[in-house]
C-alpha atoms as a PDB file:
ATOM      1  CA  MET A   1       0.000   0.000   0.000  1.00  0.00           C
ATOM      2  CA  CYS A   2       2.652   2.456   1.107  1.00  0.00           C
ATOM      3  CA  TYR A   3       4.749   1.534  -1.928  1.00  0.00           C
ATOM      4  CA  GLU A   4       1.906   2.284  -4.336  1.00  0.00           C
ATOM      5  CA  ARG A   5       1.262   5.624  -2.671  1.00  0.00           C
ATOM      6  CA  SER A   6       4.904   6.684  -3.063  1.00  0.00           C
ATOM      7  CA  ILE A   7       4.829   5.641  -6.740  1.00  0.00           C
ATOM      8  CA  SER A   8       1.773   7.787  -7.457  1.00  0.00           C
ATOM      9  CA  LEU A   9       3.385  10.679  -5.579  1.00  0.00           C
ATOM     10  CA  TRP A  10       6.532  10.261  -7.688  1.00  0.00           C
ATOM     11  CA  LYS A  11       4.432  10.172 -10.859  1.00  0.00           C
ATOM     12  CA  SER A  12       2.633  13.390  -9.983  1.00  0.00           C
ATOM     13  CA  MET A  13       5.900  15.133  -9.086  1.00  0.00           C
ATOM     14  CA  PHE A  14       7.365  13.962 -12.405  1.00  0.00           C
ATOM     15  CA  LEU A  15       4.338  15.207 -14.356  1.00  0.00           C
ATOM     16  CA  ILE A  16       4.543  18.616 -12.666  1.00  0.00           C
ATOM     17  CA  TYR A  17       8.283  18.746 -13.416  1.00  0.00           C
ATOM     18  CA  MET A  18       7.714  17.861 -17.074  1.00  0.00           C
ATOM     19  CA  TYR A  19       4.865  20.366 -17.327  1.00  0.00           C
ATOM     20  CA  ILE A  20       6.968  23.240 -15.979  1.00  0.00           C
ATOM     21  CA  ASN A  21       9.944  22.329 -18.193  1.00  0.00           C
ATOM     22  CA  SER A  22       7.788  22.132 -21.319  1.00  0.00           C
ATOM     23  CA  LYS A  23       6.368  25.633 -20.844  1.00  0.00           C
ATOM     24  CA  SER A  24       7.904  29.028 -21.400  1.00  0.00           C
ATOM     25  CA  PHE A  25       9.195  31.123 -18.487  1.00  0.00           C
ATOM     26  CA  TYR A  26       6.114  33.344 -18.716  1.00  0.00           C
ATOM     27  CA  LYS A  27       3.756  30.408 -18.360  1.00  0.00           C
ATOM     28  CA  CYS A  28       5.848  29.063 -15.497  1.00  0.00           C
ATOM     29  CA  GLU A  29       5.428  32.407 -13.720  1.00  0.00           C
ATOM     30  CA  ARG A  30       1.680  32.281 -14.380  1.00  0.00           C
ATOM     31  CA  LEU A  31       1.623  28.777 -12.883  1.00  0.00           C
ATOM     32  CA  LYS A  32       3.344  30.078  -9.745  1.00  0.00           C
ATOM     33  CA  GLU A  33       0.737  32.846  -9.474  1.00  0.00           C
ATOM     34  CA  LEU A  34      -2.036  30.279  -9.820  1.00  0.00           C
ATOM     35  CA  ILE A  35      -0.480  28.112  -7.100  1.00  0.00           C
ATOM     36  CA  ASN A  36      -0.186  31.173  -4.847  1.00  0.00           C
ATOM     37  CA  CYS A  37      -3.860  31.956  -5.420  1.00  0.00           C
ATOM     38  CA  LEU A  38      -4.858  28.398  -4.535  1.00  0.00           C
ATOM     39  CA  ALA A  39      -2.568  28.201  -1.504  1.00  0.00           C
END
């Protein structure tokens, strides 16, 4: 159970990492603003 949970966490971290790297700096900044709004 714990193993599966860590795998899904790793997958989501990886997807976020890939998403940020695939976008321009401007969009990355917009993403940070969005996260700040949601936080």
